[in-house]
Amino acid sequence: MTRRTVSWLLVMVVTLSALVVAAIDEGAPKTNADRAYSLAKDFACPVCQGQSIAESDVPIARTIRRNLRIWVDEGRSESFIRDELVSIYGEDIDYSPSTDGISALVWVLPIVGGVVAVAGLSIVFRGWKAEAISEASAADEALVAAARRERHDD
């Protein structure tokens, strides 16, 4: 590998690492109230359009928030709380999509597409670079010389 290739790979690795850390490093909630609020942001209000339980102030959202606080204070796991709310209100309440089965494609396909795009672009750019390095033929040099003479004669 050339030094330039290694440099680009290093830039890509650092960039991807920074994106991954930024995406997952929000830290665990500090208190039960923080955990309950964090969970409330992950669920849609069953009667509101486009609002989470944390944002909505309708009676059903207040009831769900109260249940969340009770479950968190009881030490229930996030998976228990998710399963409980989904069983009561249906899959549409959960803002966090499942990562198994067909839903996994939603997470995997953009990554695969990005890798294929980068590979395709690198192949195309290498082809352009190879074409640019080719030597000029005698006919090309004669054409350039004629154009220069014409230009200087004007």
C-alpha atoms as a PDB file:
ATOM      1  CA  MET A   1       0.000   0.000   0.000  1.00  0.00           C
ATOM      2  CA  THR A   2       1.179   3.464  -0.759  1.00  0.00           C
ATOM      3  CA  ARG A   3       1.596   6.131   1.848  1.00  0.00           C
ATOM      4  CA  ARG A   4      -1.355   8.037   0.397  1.00  0.00           C
ATOM      5  CA  THR A   5      -3.649   5.005   0.673  1.00  0.00           C
ATOM      6  CA  VAL A   6      -2.615   4.445   4.273  1.00  0.00           C
ATOM      7  CA  SER A   7      -3.319   8.109   5.030  1.00  0.00           C
ATOM      8  CA  TRP A   8      -6.819   7.896   3.565  1.00  0.00           C
ATOM      9  CA  LEU A   9      -7.539   4.676   5.440  1.00  0.00           C
ATOM     10  CA  LEU A  10      -6.391   6.313   8.665  1.00  0.00           C
ATOM     11  CA  VAL A  11      -8.665   9.311   8.058  1.00  0.00           C
ATOM     12  CA  MET A  12     -11.626   7.002   7.394  1.00  0.00           C
ATOM     13  CA  VAL A  13     -10.964   4.915  10.519  1.00  0.00           C
ATOM     14  CA  VAL A  14     -10.670   8.004  12.734  1.00  0.00           C
ATOM     15  CA  THR A  15     -13.840   9.522  11.258  1.00  0.00           C
ATOM     16  CA  LEU A  16     -15.858   6.337  11.654  1.00  0.00           C
ATOM     17  CA  SER A  17     -14.567   5.870  15.197  1.00  0.00           C
ATOM     18  CA  ALA A  18     -15.596   9.397  16.122  1.00  0.00           C
ATOM     19  CA  LEU A  19     -19.072   8.834  14.668  1.00  0.00           C
ATOM     20  CA  VAL A  20     -19.516   5.570  16.574  1.00  0.00           C
ATOM     21  CA  VAL A  21     -18.376   7.105  19.866  1.00  0.00           C
ATOM     22  CA  ALA A  22     -20.643  10.112  19.372  1.00  0.00           C
ATOM     23  CA  ALA A  23     -23.607   7.879  18.580  1.00  0.00           C
ATOM     24  CA  ILE A  24     -23.302   5.534  21.549  1.00  0.00           C
ATOM     25  CA  ASP A  25     -21.591   7.560  24.246  1.00  0.00           C
ATOM     26  CA  GLU A  26     -24.451   9.427  25.811  1.00  0.00           C
ATOM     27  CA  GLY A  27     -23.819   7.806  29.170  1.00  0.00           C
ATOM     28  CA  ALA A  28     -26.200   5.903  31.358  1.00  0.00           C
ATOM     29  CA  PRO A  29     -28.952   7.848  33.120  1.00  0.00           C
ATOM     30  CA  LYS A  30     -27.762   8.949  36.562  1.00  0.00           C
ATOM     31  CA  THR A  31     -30.977   8.636  38.557  1.00  0.00           C
ATOM     32  CA  ASN A  32     -34.229   6.716  38.297  1.00  0.00           C
ATOM     33  CA  ALA A  33     -35.960   9.909  37.155  1.00  0.00           C
ATOM     34  CA  ASP A  34     -33.374  10.329  34.373  1.00  0.00           C
ATOM     35  CA  ARG A  35     -33.831   6.694  33.345  1.00  0.00           C
ATOM     36  CA  ALA A  36     -37.633   7.046  33.293  1.00  0.00           C
ATOM     37  CA  TYR A  37     -37.368  10.229  31.191  1.00  0.00           C
ATOM     38  CA  SER A  38     -34.911   8.536  28.824  1.00  0.00           C
ATOM     39  CA  LEU A  39     -37.320   5.636  28.386  1.00  0.00           C
ATOM     40  CA  ALA A  40     -40.259   8.013  27.879  1.00  0.00           C
ATOM     41  CA  LYS A  41     -38.405   9.590  24.927  1.00  0.00           C
ATOM     42  CA  ASP A  42     -38.163   6.133  23.315  1.00  0.00           C
ATOM     43  CA  PHE A  43     -41.927   5.590  23.115  1.00  0.00           C
ATOM     44  CA  ALA A  44     -44.554   7.291  20.969  1.00  0.00           C
ATOM     45  CA  CYS A  45     -47.676   8.744  22.479  1.00  0.00           C
ATOM     46  CA  PRO A  46     -50.505   6.375  21.473  1.00  0.00           C
ATOM     47  CA  VAL A  47     -52.943   9.217  20.687  1.00  0.00           C
ATOM     48  CA  CYS A  48     -50.643  12.072  19.578  1.00  0.00           C
ATOM     49  CA  GLN A  49     -49.070  12.451  16.160  1.00  0.00           C
ATOM     50  CA  GLY A  50     -45.273  12.667  16.210  1.00  0.00           C
ATOM     51  CA  GLN A  51     -44.828  13.175  19.951  1.00  0.00           C
ATOM     52  CA  SER A  52     -43.069  10.960  22.425  1.00  0.00           C
ATOM     53  CA  ILE A  53     -44.523  10.113  25.803  1.00  0.00           C
ATOM     54  CA  ALA A  54     -41.983  12.518  27.312  1.00  0.00           C
ATOM     55  CA  GLU A  55     -43.257  15.411  25.142  1.00  0.00           C
ATOM     56  CA  SER A  56     -46.981  14.787  25.320  1.00  0.00           C
ATOM     57  CA  ASP A  57     -49.226  16.069  28.094  1.00  0.00           C
ATOM     58  CA  VAL A  58     -52.399  14.105  27.314  1.00  0.00           C
ATOM     59  CA  PRO A  59     -53.797  11.906  30.121  1.00  0.00           C
ATOM     60  CA  ILE A  60     -52.649   8.597  28.569  1.00  0.00           C
ATOM     61  CA  ALA A  61     -49.059   9.893  28.275  1.00  0.00           C
ATOM     62  CA  ARG A  62     -49.105  11.003  31.910  1.00  0.00           C
ATOM     63  CA  THR A  63     -50.370   7.542  32.909  1.00  0.00           C
ATOM     64  CA  ILE A  64     -47.630   5.807  30.925  1.00  0.00           C
ATOM     65  CA  ARG A  65     -44.973   8.122  32.421  1.00  0.00           C
ATOM     66  CA  ARG A  66     -46.281   7.296  35.912  1.00  0.00           C
ATOM     67  CA  ASN A  67     -46.095   3.557  35.109  1.00  0.00           C
ATOM     68  CA  LEU A  68     -42.560   4.030  33.766  1.00  0.00           C
ATOM     69  CA  ARG A  69     -41.488   5.709  37.019  1.00  0.00           C
ATOM     70  CA  ILE A  70     -43.050   2.880  39.049  1.00  0.00           C
ATOM     71  CA  TRP A  71     -41.354   0.178  36.966  1.00  0.00           C
ATOM     72  CA  VAL A  72     -37.993   1.962  37.093  1.00  0.00           C
ATOM     73  CA  ASP A  73     -38.282   2.425  40.878  1.00  0.00           C
ATOM     74  CA  GLU A  74     -39.079  -1.301  41.167  1.00  0.00           C
ATOM     75  CA  GLY A  75     -35.847  -2.032  39.287  1.00  0.00           C
ATOM     76  CA  ARG A  76     -37.495  -3.489  36.174  1.00  0.00           C
ATOM     77  CA  SER A  77     -35.250  -3.958  33.145  1.00  0.00           C
ATOM     78  CA  GLU A  78     -35.572  -1.934  29.973  1.00  0.00           C
ATOM     79  CA  SER A  79     -36.544  -5.062  28.041  1.00  0.00           C
ATOM     80  CA  PHE A  80     -39.359  -5.796  30.527  1.00  0.00           C
ATOM     81  CA  ILE A  81     -40.672  -2.239  30.206  1.00  0.00           C
ATOM     82  CA  ARG A  82     -40.464  -2.356  26.395  1.00  0.00           C
ATOM     83  CA  ASP A  83     -42.226  -5.709  26.219  1.00  0.00           C
ATOM     84  CA  GLU A  84     -44.925  -4.535  28.618  1.00  0.00           C
ATOM     85  CA  LEU A  85     -45.686  -1.324  26.718  1.00  0.00           C
ATOM     86  CA  VAL A  86     -45.601  -3.068  23.329  1.00  0.00           C
ATOM     87  CA  SER A  87     -47.968  -5.787  24.578  1.00  0.00           C
ATOM     88  CA  ILE A  88     -50.422  -3.141  25.832  1.00  0.00           C
ATOM     89  CA  TYR A  89     -50.201  -0.512  23.054  1.00  0.00           C
ATOM     90  CA  GLY A  90     -48.731  -2.411  20.077  1.00  0.00           C
ATOM     91  CA  GLU A  91     -45.470  -2.230  18.098  1.00  0.00           C
ATOM     92  CA  ASP A  92     -46.136   1.316  16.879  1.00  0.00           C
ATOM     93  CA  ILE A  93     -45.444   2.756  20.326  1.00  0.00           C
ATOM     94  CA  ASP A  94     -41.771   1.696  20.274  1.00  0.00           C
ATOM     95  CA  TYR A  95     -39.512   4.303  18.612  1.00  0.00           C
ATOM     96  CA  SER A  96     -36.528   1.915  18.808  1.00  0.00           C
ATOM     97  CA  PRO A  97     -36.885  -0.518  15.916  1.00  0.00           C
ATOM     98  CA  SER A  98     -36.009  -4.149  16.356  1.00  0.00           C
ATOM     99  CA  THR A  99     -32.592  -5.203  15.068  1.00  0.00           C
ATOM    100  CA  ASP A 100     -33.434  -8.773  14.103  1.00  0.00           C
ATOM    101  CA  GLY A 101     -35.135 -10.387  11.132  1.00  0.00           C
ATOM    102  CA  ILE A 102     -36.155  -8.173   8.217  1.00  0.00           C
ATOM    103  CA  SER A 103     -35.661  -5.043  10.340  1.00  0.00           C
ATOM    104  CA  ALA A 104     -31.935  -5.808  10.475  1.00  0.00           C
ATOM    105  CA  LEU A 105     -31.750  -4.962   6.766  1.00  0.00           C
ATOM    106  CA  VAL A 106     -32.661  -1.361   7.595  1.00  0.00           C
ATOM    107  CA  TRP A 107     -29.483  -1.173   9.672  1.00  0.00           C
ATOM    108  CA  VAL A 108     -27.188  -3.267   7.453  1.00  0.00           C
ATOM    109  CA  LEU A 109     -28.084  -2.140   3.920  1.00  0.00           C
ATOM    110  CA  PRO A 110     -26.920   1.497   4.285  1.00  0.00           C
ATOM    111  CA  ILE A 111     -23.554   0.301   5.570  1.00  0.00           C
ATOM    112  CA  VAL A 112     -23.206  -2.220   2.739  1.00  0.00           C
ATOM    113  CA  GLY A 113     -24.282   0.458   0.253  1.00  0.00           C
ATOM    114  CA  GLY A 114     -21.672   2.863   1.606  1.00  0.00           C
ATOM    115  CA  VAL A 115     -18.907   0.264   1.346  1.00  0.00           C
ATOM    116  CA  VAL A 116     -19.936  -0.625  -2.219  1.00  0.00           C
ATOM    117  CA  ALA A 117     -20.069   3.077  -3.158  1.00  0.00           C
ATOM    118  CA  VAL A 118     -16.597   3.753  -1.744  1.00  0.00           C
ATOM    119  CA  ALA A 119     -15.194   0.677  -3.510  1.00  0.00           C
ATOM    120  CA  GLY A 120     -16.834   1.710  -6.793  1.00  0.00           C
ATOM    121  CA  LEU A 121     -15.538   5.263  -6.543  1.00  0.00           C
ATOM    122  CA  SER A 122     -12.010   4.063  -5.804  1.00  0.00           C
ATOM    123  CA  ILE A 123     -12.104   1.814  -8.884  1.00  0.00           C
ATOM    124  CA  VAL A 124     -13.389   4.672 -11.068  1.00  0.00           C
ATOM    125  CA  PHE A 125     -10.813   7.137  -9.730  1.00  0.00           C
ATOM    126  CA  ARG A 126      -7.981   4.662 -10.304  1.00  0.00           C
ATOM    127  CA  GLY A 127      -9.166   4.248 -13.894  1.00  0.00           C
ATOM    128  CA  TRP A 128      -9.171   8.004 -14.409  1.00  0.00           C
ATOM    129  CA  LYS A 129      -5.713   8.291 -12.894  1.00  0.00           C
ATOM    130  CA  ALA A 130      -4.391   5.536 -15.173  1.00  0.00           C
ATOM    131  CA  GLU A 131      -5.846   7.266 -18.238  1.00  0.00           C
ATOM    132  CA  ALA A 132      -4.347  10.618 -17.231  1.00  0.00           C
ATOM    133  CA  ILE A 133      -0.842   9.167 -17.021  1.00  0.00           C
ATOM    134  CA  SER A 134      -0.868   7.777 -20.588  1.00  0.00           C
ATOM    135  CA  GLU A 135       1.693   9.222 -23.003  1.00  0.00           C
ATOM    136  CA  ALA A 136       0.737  11.516 -25.864  1.00  0.00           C
ATOM    137  CA  SER A 137       1.004   9.982 -29.329  1.00  0.00           C
ATOM    138  CA  ALA A 138       2.904  11.589 -32.176  1.00  0.00           C
ATOM    139  CA  ALA A 139      -0.415  12.627 -33.753  1.00  0.00           C
ATOM    140  CA  ASP A 140      -1.437  14.342 -30.497  1.00  0.00           C
ATOM    141  CA  GLU A 141       1.857  16.226 -30.310  1.00  0.00           C
ATOM    142  CA  ALA A 142       1.519  17.319 -33.945  1.00  0.00           C
ATOM    143  CA  LEU A 143      -2.024  18.554 -33.301  1.00  0.00           C
ATOM    144  CA  VAL A 144      -0.881  20.588 -30.264  1.00  0.00           C
ATOM    145  CA  ALA A 145       2.064  22.045 -32.196  1.00  0.00           C
ATOM    146  CA  ALA A 146      -0.249  23.065 -35.061  1.00  0.00           C
ATOM    147  CA  ALA A 147      -2.688  24.710 -32.633  1.00  0.00           C
ATOM    148  CA  ARG A 148       0.151  26.648 -30.999  1.00  0.00           C
ATOM    149  CA  ARG A 149       1.477  27.845 -34.362  1.00  0.00           C
ATOM    150  CA  GLU A 150      -2.009  28.941 -35.352  1.00  0.00           C
ATOM    151  CA  ARG A 151      -2.455  30.808 -32.111  1.00  0.00           C
ATOM    152  CA  HIS A 152       0.895  32.605 -32.410  1.00  0.00           C
ATOM    153  CA  ASP A 153       0.221  33.500 -36.046  1.00  0.00           C
ATOM    154  CA  ASP A 154      -2.964  35.387 -35.070  1.00  0.00           C
END
